[in-house]
Amino acid sequence: MNIQIIKRDGTKEPFDEEKIDRVVVAAGLSPDNATTLVNNLKTWVQAQNKQEFSSLEIRDQVMIEMQKLDVYAANMFSWYQKTKDNTQ
């Protein structure tokens, strides 16, 4: 999978499932649920049939998947994203 993520500053980086795994575990998702989330996210990305995604598109899809798996962890992730957004 050769997917590029377009960050807010316009730079691009490769899609990194390990980075997503780390972030969602840090938000409180169990390692098993994090694996499930990453697999679901990869399936979603492939179904979109695109080579580039904005970081916000990925973030929004991560939130959707987290809500399905663990509402508390999803709320923590959302809170962190909002505080991060307010500092930029």
PDB file of N, CA and C in Angstrom:
ATOM      1  N   MET A   1       0.854  -1.173   0.000  1.00  0.00           N
ATOM      2  CA  MET A   1       0.000   0.000   0.000  1.00  0.00           C
ATOM      3  C   MET A   1       0.900   1.236   0.000  1.00  0.00           C
ATOM      4  N   ASN A   2       0.804   2.025  -1.061  1.00  0.00           N
ATOM      5  CA  ASN A   2       1.635   3.218  -1.214  1.00  0.00           C
ATOM      6  C   ASN A   2       0.753   4.460  -1.092  1.00  0.00           C
ATOM      7  N   ILE A   3       0.256   4.704   0.102  1.00  0.00           N
ATOM      8  CA  ILE A   3      -0.663   5.811   0.363  1.00  0.00           C
ATOM      9  C   ILE A   3       0.111   6.956   1.012  1.00  0.00           C
ATOM     10  N   GLN A   4      -0.178   8.170   0.558  1.00  0.00           N
ATOM     11  CA  GLN A   4       0.451   9.364   1.117  1.00  0.00           C
ATOM     12  C   GLN A   4      -0.571  10.144   1.941  1.00  0.00           C
ATOM     13  N   ILE A   5      -0.109  10.663   3.053  1.00  0.00           N
ATOM     14  CA  ILE A   5      -0.932  11.505   3.920  1.00  0.00           C
ATOM     15  C   ILE A   5      -0.467  12.946   3.751  1.00  0.00           C
ATOM     16  N   ILE A   6      -1.410  13.823   3.454  1.00  0.00           N
ATOM     17  CA  ILE A   6      -1.105  15.239   3.305  1.00  0.00           C
ATOM     18  C   ILE A   6      -1.383  15.906   4.650  1.00  0.00           C
ATOM     19  N   LYS A   7      -0.318  16.386   5.269  1.00  0.00           N
ATOM     20  CA  LYS A   7      -0.441  17.015   6.579  1.00  0.00           C
ATOM     21  C   LYS A   7      -0.960  18.443   6.424  1.00  0.00           C
ATOM     22  N   ARG A   8      -1.339  19.039   7.535  1.00  0.00           N
ATOM     23  CA  ARG A   8      -1.918  20.385   7.500  1.00  0.00           C
ATOM     24  C   ARG A   8      -0.992  21.424   6.891  1.00  0.00           C
ATOM     25  N   ASP A   9       0.299  21.238   7.063  1.00  0.00           N
ATOM     26  CA  ASP A   9       1.248  22.212   6.512  1.00  0.00           C
ATOM     27  C   ASP A   9       1.554  21.948   5.041  1.00  0.00           C
ATOM     28  N   GLY A  10       0.890  20.951   4.450  1.00  0.00           N
ATOM     29  CA  GLY A  10       1.063  20.649   3.032  1.00  0.00           C
ATOM     30  C   GLY A  10       2.109  19.595   2.743  1.00  0.00           C
ATOM     31  N   THR A  11       2.910  19.236   3.731  1.00  0.00           N
ATOM     32  CA  THR A  11       3.901  18.191   3.500  1.00  0.00           C
ATOM     33  C   THR A  11       3.206  16.836   3.423  1.00  0.00           C
ATOM     34  N   LYS A  12       3.892  15.891   2.829  1.00  0.00           N
ATOM     35  CA  LYS A  12       3.341  14.550   2.679  1.00  0.00           C
ATOM     36  C   LYS A  12       4.224  13.553   3.402  1.00  0.00           C
ATOM     37  N   GLU A  13       3.585  12.513   3.911  1.00  0.00           N
ATOM     38  CA  GLU A  13       4.329  11.425   4.528  1.00  0.00           C
ATOM     39  C   GLU A  13       3.586  10.126   4.211  1.00  0.00           C
ATOM     40  N   PRO A  14       4.298   9.016   4.209  1.00  0.00           N
ATOM     41  CA  PRO A  14       3.638   7.745   3.939  1.00  0.00           C
ATOM     42  C   PRO A  14       2.649   7.387   5.042  1.00  0.00           C
ATOM     43  N   PHE A  15       1.576   6.703   4.660  1.00  0.00           N
ATOM     44  CA  PHE A  15       0.617   6.170   5.618  1.00  0.00           C
ATOM     45  C   PHE A  15       1.372   5.218   6.528  1.00  0.00           C
ATOM     46  N   ASP A  16       1.260   5.436   7.838  1.00  0.00           N
ATOM     47  CA  ASP A  16       2.022   4.649   8.809  1.00  0.00           C
ATOM     48  C   ASP A  16       1.069   4.031   9.814  1.00  0.00           C
ATOM     49  N   GLU A  17       0.752   2.757   9.599  1.00  0.00           N
ATOM     50  CA  GLU A  17      -0.204   2.097  10.489  1.00  0.00           C
ATOM     51  C   GLU A  17       0.334   1.958  11.904  1.00  0.00           C
ATOM     52  N   GLU A  18       1.649   1.861  12.072  1.00  0.00           N
ATOM     53  CA  GLU A  18       2.229   1.761  13.412  1.00  0.00           C
ATOM     54  C   GLU A  18       2.020   3.056  14.193  1.00  0.00           C
ATOM     55  N   LYS A  19       2.090   4.186  13.512  1.00  0.00           N
ATOM     56  CA  LYS A  19       1.851   5.474  14.164  1.00  0.00           C
ATOM     57  C   LYS A  19       0.409   5.549  14.655  1.00  0.00           C
ATOM     58  N   ILE A  20      -0.525   5.108  13.840  1.00  0.00           N
ATOM     59  CA  ILE A  20      -1.930   5.114  14.238  1.00  0.00           C
ATOM     60  C   ILE A  20      -2.140   4.181  15.419  1.00  0.00           C
ATOM     61  N   ASP A  21      -1.524   3.018  15.371  1.00  0.00           N
ATOM     62  CA  ASP A  21      -1.619   2.057  16.471  1.00  0.00           C
ATOM     63  C   ASP A  21      -1.145   2.686  17.777  1.00  0.00           C
ATOM     64  N   ARG A  22       0.009   3.355  17.737  1.00  0.00           N
ATOM     65  CA  ARG A  22       0.561   3.988  18.946  1.00  0.00           C
ATOM     66  C   ARG A  22      -0.380   5.051  19.502  1.00  0.00           C
ATOM     67  N   VAL A  23      -0.926   5.867  18.620  1.00  0.00           N
ATOM     68  CA  VAL A  23      -1.784   6.974  19.047  1.00  0.00           C
ATOM     69  C   VAL A  23      -3.067   6.463  19.692  1.00  0.00           C
ATOM     70  N   VAL A  24      -3.687   5.458  19.086  1.00  0.00           N
ATOM     71  CA  VAL A  24      -4.957   4.990  19.645  1.00  0.00           C
ATOM     72  C   VAL A  24      -4.751   4.203  20.939  1.00  0.00           C
ATOM     73  N   VAL A  25      -3.632   3.520  21.069  1.00  0.00           N
ATOM     74  CA  VAL A  25      -3.320   2.856  22.337  1.00  0.00           C
ATOM     75  C   VAL A  25      -3.065   3.914  23.412  1.00  0.00           C
ATOM     76  N   ALA A  26      -2.365   4.987  23.050  1.00  0.00           N
ATOM     77  CA  ALA A  26      -2.113   6.074  24.005  1.00  0.00           C
ATOM     78  C   ALA A  26      -3.426   6.722  24.462  1.00  0.00           C
ATOM     79  N   ALA A  27      -4.439   6.697  23.592  1.00  0.00           N
ATOM     80  CA  ALA A  27      -5.744   7.263  23.947  1.00  0.00           C
ATOM     81  C   ALA A  27      -6.556   6.318  24.827  1.00  0.00           C
ATOM     82  N   GLY A  28      -6.076   5.085  24.995  1.00  0.00           N
ATOM     83  CA  GLY A  28      -6.757   4.161  25.890  1.00  0.00           C
ATOM     84  C   GLY A  28      -7.335   2.930  25.229  1.00  0.00           C
ATOM     85  N   LEU A  29      -7.163   2.799  23.926  1.00  0.00           N
ATOM     86  CA  LEU A  29      -7.665   1.612  23.235  1.00  0.00           C
ATOM     87  C   LEU A  29      -6.759   0.429  23.562  1.00  0.00           C
ATOM     88  N   SER A  30      -7.347  -0.726  23.778  1.00  0.00           N
ATOM     89  CA  SER A  30      -6.546  -1.913  24.066  1.00  0.00           C
ATOM     90  C   SER A  30      -5.723  -2.281  22.828  1.00  0.00           C
ATOM     91  N   PRO A  31      -4.593  -2.950  23.019  1.00  0.00           N
ATOM     92  CA  PRO A  31      -3.785  -3.365  21.862  1.00  0.00           C
ATOM     93  C   PRO A  31      -4.574  -4.205  20.851  1.00  0.00           C
ATOM     94  N   ASP A  32      -5.446  -5.094  21.345  1.00  0.00           N
ATOM     95  CA  ASP A  32      -6.249  -5.907  20.421  1.00  0.00           C
ATOM     96  C   ASP A  32      -7.218  -5.038  19.623  1.00  0.00           C
ATOM     97  N   ASN A  33      -7.870  -4.095  20.300  1.00  0.00           N
ATOM     98  CA  ASN A  33      -8.778  -3.196  19.593  1.00  0.00           C
ATOM     99  C   ASN A  33      -8.018  -2.266  18.650  1.00  0.00           C
ATOM    100  N   ALA A  34      -6.806  -1.887  19.021  1.00  0.00           N
ATOM    101  CA  ALA A  34      -5.988  -1.044  18.144  1.00  0.00           C
ATOM    102  C   ALA A  34      -5.674  -1.789  16.852  1.00  0.00           C
ATOM    103  N   THR A  35      -5.364  -3.070  16.964  1.00  0.00           N
ATOM    104  CA  THR A  35      -5.101  -3.886  15.770  1.00  0.00           C
ATOM    105  C   THR A  35      -6.342  -3.957  14.896  1.00  0.00           C
ATOM    106  N   THR A  36      -7.485  -4.150  15.524  1.00  0.00           N
ATOM    107  CA  THR A  36      -8.751  -4.187  14.783  1.00  0.00           C
ATOM    108  C   THR A  36      -8.991  -2.859  14.080  1.00  0.00           C
ATOM    109  N   LEU A  37      -8.778  -1.757  14.799  1.00  0.00           N
ATOM    110  CA  LEU A  37      -8.975  -0.433  14.223  1.00  0.00           C
ATOM    111  C   LEU A  37      -8.063  -0.225  13.016  1.00  0.00           C
ATOM    112  N   VAL A  38      -6.801  -0.548  13.157  1.00  0.00           N
ATOM    113  CA  VAL A  38      -5.851  -0.353  12.056  1.00  0.00           C
ATOM    114  C   VAL A  38      -6.264  -1.188  10.853  1.00  0.00           C
ATOM    115  N   ASN A  39      -6.675  -2.420  11.077  1.00  0.00           N
ATOM    116  CA  ASN A  39      -7.118  -3.271   9.967  1.00  0.00           C
ATOM    117  C   ASN A  39      -8.357  -2.691   9.293  1.00  0.00           C
ATOM    118  N   ASN A  40      -9.310  -2.205  10.097  1.00  0.00           N
ATOM    119  CA  ASN A  40     -10.508  -1.579   9.534  1.00  0.00           C
ATOM    120  C   ASN A  40     -10.148  -0.312   8.760  1.00  0.00           C
ATOM    121  N   LEU A  41      -9.220   0.454   9.284  1.00  0.00           N
ATOM    122  CA  LEU A  41      -8.791   1.676   8.615  1.00  0.00           C
ATOM    123  C   LEU A  41      -8.119   1.365   7.280  1.00  0.00           C
ATOM    124  N   LYS A  42      -7.263   0.347   7.273  1.00  0.00           N
ATOM    125  CA  LYS A  42      -6.604  -0.041   6.015  1.00  0.00           C
ATOM    126  C   LYS A  42      -7.634  -0.483   4.980  1.00  0.00           C
ATOM    127  N   THR A  43      -8.638  -1.224   5.412  1.00  0.00           N
ATOM    128  CA  THR A  43      -9.702  -1.657   4.498  1.00  0.00           C
ATOM    129  C   THR A  43     -10.434  -0.447   3.935  1.00  0.00           C
ATOM    130  N   TRP A  44     -10.739   0.521   4.814  1.00  0.00           N
ATOM    131  CA  TRP A  44     -11.429   1.734   4.381  1.00  0.00           C
ATOM    132  C   TRP A  44     -10.576   2.515   3.376  1.00  0.00           C
ATOM    133  N   VAL A  45      -9.295   2.676   3.686  1.00  0.00           N
ATOM    134  CA  VAL A  45      -8.389   3.417   2.797  1.00  0.00           C
ATOM    135  C   VAL A  45      -8.354   2.760   1.419  1.00  0.00           C
ATOM    136  N   GLN A  46      -8.209   1.460   1.382  1.00  0.00           N
ATOM    137  CA  GLN A  46      -8.147   0.745   0.105  1.00  0.00           C
ATOM    138  C   GLN A  46      -9.462   0.871  -0.661  1.00  0.00           C
ATOM    139  N   ALA A  47     -10.591   0.874   0.044  1.00  0.00           N
ATOM    140  CA  ALA A  47     -11.894   0.976  -0.612  1.00  0.00           C
ATOM    141  C   ALA A  47     -12.116   2.351  -1.244  1.00  0.00           C
ATOM    142  N   GLN A  48     -11.413   3.364  -0.744  1.00  0.00           N
ATOM    143  CA  GLN A  48     -11.566   4.717  -1.286  1.00  0.00           C
ATOM    144  C   GLN A  48     -10.916   4.860  -2.663  1.00  0.00           C
ATOM    145  N   ASN A  49     -10.008   3.953  -2.981  1.00  0.00           N
ATOM    146  CA  ASN A  49      -9.346   3.939  -4.288  1.00  0.00           C
ATOM    147  C   ASN A  49      -8.650   5.276  -4.592  1.00  0.00           C
ATOM    148  N   LYS A  50      -7.953   5.802  -3.584  1.00  0.00           N
ATOM    149  CA  LYS A  50      -7.182   7.036  -3.719  1.00  0.00           C
ATOM    150  C   LYS A  50      -5.754   6.765  -3.246  1.00  0.00           C
ATOM    151  N   GLN A  51      -4.829   7.577  -3.697  1.00  0.00           N
ATOM    152  CA  GLN A  51      -3.440   7.438  -3.279  1.00  0.00           C
ATOM    153  C   GLN A  51      -3.038   8.470  -2.240  1.00  0.00           C
ATOM    154  N   GLU A  52      -3.870   9.500  -2.050  1.00  0.00           N
ATOM    155  CA  GLU A  52      -3.567  10.549  -1.078  1.00  0.00           C
ATOM    156  C   GLU A  52      -4.797  10.864  -0.234  1.00  0.00           C
ATOM    157  N   PHE A  53      -4.538  11.089   1.044  1.00  0.00           N
ATOM    158  CA  PHE A  53      -5.584  11.459   1.990  1.00  0.00           C
ATOM    159  C   PHE A  53      -5.062  12.600   2.839  1.00  0.00           C
ATOM    160  N   SER A  54      -5.946  13.489   3.232  1.00  0.00           N
ATOM    161  CA  SER A  54      -5.527  14.516   4.189  1.00  0.00           C
ATOM    162  C   SER A  54      -5.449  13.871   5.567  1.00  0.00           C
ATOM    163  N   SER A  55      -4.639  14.445   6.412  1.00  0.00           N
ATOM    164  CA  SER A  55      -4.540  13.928   7.782  1.00  0.00           C
ATOM    165  C   SER A  55      -5.892  14.029   8.484  1.00  0.00           C
ATOM    166  N   LEU A  56      -6.691  15.022   8.125  1.00  0.00           N
ATOM    167  CA  LEU A  56      -8.013  15.186   8.737  1.00  0.00           C
ATOM    168  C   LEU A  56      -8.967  14.076   8.307  1.00  0.00           C
ATOM    169  N   GLU A  57      -8.870  13.636   7.062  1.00  0.00           N
ATOM    170  CA  GLU A  57      -9.696  12.515   6.618  1.00  0.00           C
ATOM    171  C   GLU A  57      -9.366  11.260   7.425  1.00  0.00           C
ATOM    172  N   ILE A  58      -8.084  11.031   7.627  1.00  0.00           N
ATOM    173  CA  ILE A  58      -7.660   9.859   8.402  1.00  0.00           C
ATOM    174  C   ILE A  58      -8.112  10.005   9.852  1.00  0.00           C
ATOM    175  N   ARG A  59      -7.922  11.178  10.419  1.00  0.00           N
ATOM    176  CA  ARG A  59      -8.340  11.416  11.807  1.00  0.00           C
ATOM    177  C   ARG A  59      -9.829  11.163  11.976  1.00  0.00           C
ATOM    178  N   ASP A  60     -10.635  11.657  11.046  1.00  0.00           N
ATOM    179  CA  ASP A  60     -12.083  11.471  11.142  1.00  0.00           C
ATOM    180  C   ASP A  60     -12.455   9.994  11.060  1.00  0.00           C
ATOM    181  N   GLN A  61     -11.791   9.250  10.196  1.00  0.00           N
ATOM    182  CA  GLN A  61     -12.096   7.828  10.083  1.00  0.00           C
ATOM    183  C   GLN A  61     -11.621   7.065  11.314  1.00  0.00           C
ATOM    184  N   VAL A  62     -10.503   7.469  11.873  1.00  0.00           N
ATOM    185  CA  VAL A  62     -10.035   6.863  13.127  1.00  0.00           C
ATOM    186  C   VAL A  62     -11.090   7.072  14.213  1.00  0.00           C
ATOM    187  N   MET A  63     -11.669   8.269  14.282  1.00  0.00           N
ATOM    188  CA  MET A  63     -12.711   8.547  15.279  1.00  0.00           C
ATOM    189  C   MET A  63     -13.927   7.638  15.076  1.00  0.00           C
ATOM    190  N   ILE A  64     -14.336   7.456  13.847  1.00  0.00           N
ATOM    191  CA  ILE A  64     -15.479   6.590  13.556  1.00  0.00           C
ATOM    192  C   ILE A  64     -15.192   5.168  14.031  1.00  0.00           C
ATOM    193  N   GLU A  65     -14.006   4.672  13.717  1.00  0.00           N
ATOM    194  CA  GLU A  65     -13.641   3.308  14.115  1.00  0.00           C
ATOM    195  C   GLU A  65     -13.501   3.187  15.630  1.00  0.00           C
ATOM    196  N   MET A  66     -12.952   4.206  16.276  1.00  0.00           N
ATOM    197  CA  MET A  66     -12.802   4.163  17.729  1.00  0.00           C
ATOM    198  C   MET A  66     -14.155   4.145  18.425  1.00  0.00           C
ATOM    199  N   GLN A  67     -15.104   4.916  17.906  1.00  0.00           N
ATOM    200  CA  GLN A  67     -16.444   4.943  18.505  1.00  0.00           C
ATOM    201  C   GLN A  67     -17.065   3.543  18.503  1.00  0.00           C
ATOM    202  N   LYS A  68     -16.770   2.766  17.467  1.00  0.00           N
ATOM    203  CA  LYS A  68     -17.312   1.408  17.368  1.00  0.00           C
ATOM    204  C   LYS A  68     -16.685   0.476  18.410  1.00  0.00           C
ATOM    205  N   LEU A  69     -15.432   0.753  18.789  1.00  0.00           N
ATOM    206  CA  LEU A  69     -14.677  -0.181  19.620  1.00  0.00           C
ATOM    207  C   LEU A  69     -14.636   0.191  21.098  1.00  0.00           C
ATOM    208  N   ASP A  70     -14.541   1.491  21.397  1.00  0.00           N
ATOM    209  CA  ASP A  70     -14.388   1.913  22.791  1.00  0.00           C
ATOM    210  C   ASP A  70     -14.720   3.403  22.887  1.00  0.00           C
ATOM    211  N   VAL A  71     -15.896   3.694  23.383  1.00  0.00           N
ATOM    212  CA  VAL A  71     -16.368   5.080  23.441  1.00  0.00           C
ATOM    213  C   VAL A  71     -15.467   5.933  24.341  1.00  0.00           C
ATOM    214  N   TYR A  72     -15.028   5.392  25.471  1.00  0.00           N
ATOM    215  CA  TYR A  72     -14.168   6.155  26.371  1.00  0.00           C
ATOM    216  C   TYR A  72     -12.860   6.547  25.671  1.00  0.00           C
ATOM    217  N   ALA A  73     -12.215   5.592  25.035  1.00  0.00           N
ATOM    218  CA  ALA A  73     -10.965   5.883  24.325  1.00  0.00           C
ATOM    219  C   ALA A  73     -11.216   6.880  23.194  1.00  0.00           C
ATOM    220  N   ALA A  74     -12.353   6.754  22.522  1.00  0.00           N
ATOM    221  CA  ALA A  74     -12.690   7.693  21.443  1.00  0.00           C
ATOM    222  C   ALA A  74     -12.836   9.104  21.997  1.00  0.00           C
ATOM    223  N   ASN A  75     -13.456   9.225  23.169  1.00  0.00           N
ATOM    224  CA  ASN A  75     -13.600  10.548  23.790  1.00  0.00           C
ATOM    225  C   ASN A  75     -12.244  11.125  24.182  1.00  0.00           C
ATOM    226  N   MET A  76     -11.358  10.294  24.681  1.00  0.00           N
ATOM    227  CA  MET A  76     -10.009  10.761  25.033  1.00  0.00           C
ATOM    228  C   MET A  76      -9.251  11.211  23.787  1.00  0.00           C
ATOM    229  N   PHE A  77      -9.372  10.454  22.712  1.00  0.00           N
ATOM    230  CA  PHE A  77      -8.733  10.806  21.448  1.00  0.00           C
ATOM    231  C   PHE A  77      -9.279  12.142  20.943  1.00  0.00           C
ATOM    232  N   SER A  78     -10.598  12.291  21.008  1.00  0.00           N
ATOM    233  CA  SER A  78     -11.237  13.526  20.562  1.00  0.00           C
ATOM    234  C   SER A  78     -10.771  14.715  21.398  1.00  0.00           C
ATOM    235  N   TRP A  79     -10.719  14.530  22.709  1.00  0.00           N
ATOM    236  CA  TRP A  79     -10.265  15.601  23.597  1.00  0.00           C
ATOM    237  C   TRP A  79      -8.835  16.011  23.243  1.00  0.00           C
ATOM    238  N   TYR A  80      -7.971  15.039  23.046  1.00  0.00           N
ATOM    239  CA  TYR A  80      -6.580  15.335  22.697  1.00  0.00           C
ATOM    240  C   TYR A  80      -6.508  16.090  21.372  1.00  0.00           C
ATOM    241  N   GLN A  81      -7.260  15.653  20.396  1.00  0.00           N
ATOM    242  CA  GLN A  81      -7.238  16.313  19.080  1.00  0.00           C
ATOM    243  C   GLN A  81      -7.706  17.759  19.200  1.00  0.00           C
ATOM    244  N   LYS A  82      -8.726  18.004  20.015  1.00  0.00           N
ATOM    245  CA  LYS A  82      -9.231  19.377  20.185  1.00  0.00           C
ATOM    246  C   LYS A  82      -8.190  20.259  20.872  1.00  0.00           C
ATOM    247  N   THR A  83      -7.498  19.715  21.880  1.00  0.00           N
ATOM    248  CA  THR A  83      -6.485  20.530  22.553  1.00  0.00           C
ATOM    249  C   THR A  83      -5.317  20.783  21.615  1.00  0.00           C
ATOM    250  N   LYS A  84      -4.988  19.797  20.797  1.00  0.00           N
ATOM    251  CA  LYS A  84      -3.906  19.948  19.826  1.00  0.00           C
ATOM    252  C   LYS A  84      -4.292  20.996  18.775  1.00  0.00           C
ATOM    253  N   ASP A  85      -5.553  20.953  18.324  1.00  0.00           N
ATOM    254  CA  ASP A  85      -6.030  21.919  17.324  1.00  0.00           C
ATOM    255  C   ASP A  85      -5.972  23.339  17.854  1.00  0.00           C
ATOM    256  N   ASN A  86      -6.242  23.520  19.137  1.00  0.00           N
ATOM    257  CA  ASN A  86      -6.261  24.871  19.722  1.00  0.00           C
ATOM    258  C   ASN A  86      -4.876  25.457  19.907  1.00  0.00           C
ATOM    259  N   THR A  87      -3.838  24.623  19.864  1.00  0.00           N
ATOM    260  CA  THR A  87      -2.481  25.139  20.039  1.00  0.00           C
ATOM    261  C   THR A  87      -1.798  25.429  18.715  1.00  0.00           C
ATOM    262  N   GLN A  88      -2.446  25.093  17.630  1.00  0.00           N
ATOM    263  CA  GLN A  88      -1.821  25.313  16.309  1.00  0.00           C
ATOM    264  C   GLN A  88      -2.349  26.536  15.640  1.00  0.00           C
TER     265      GLN A  88
END
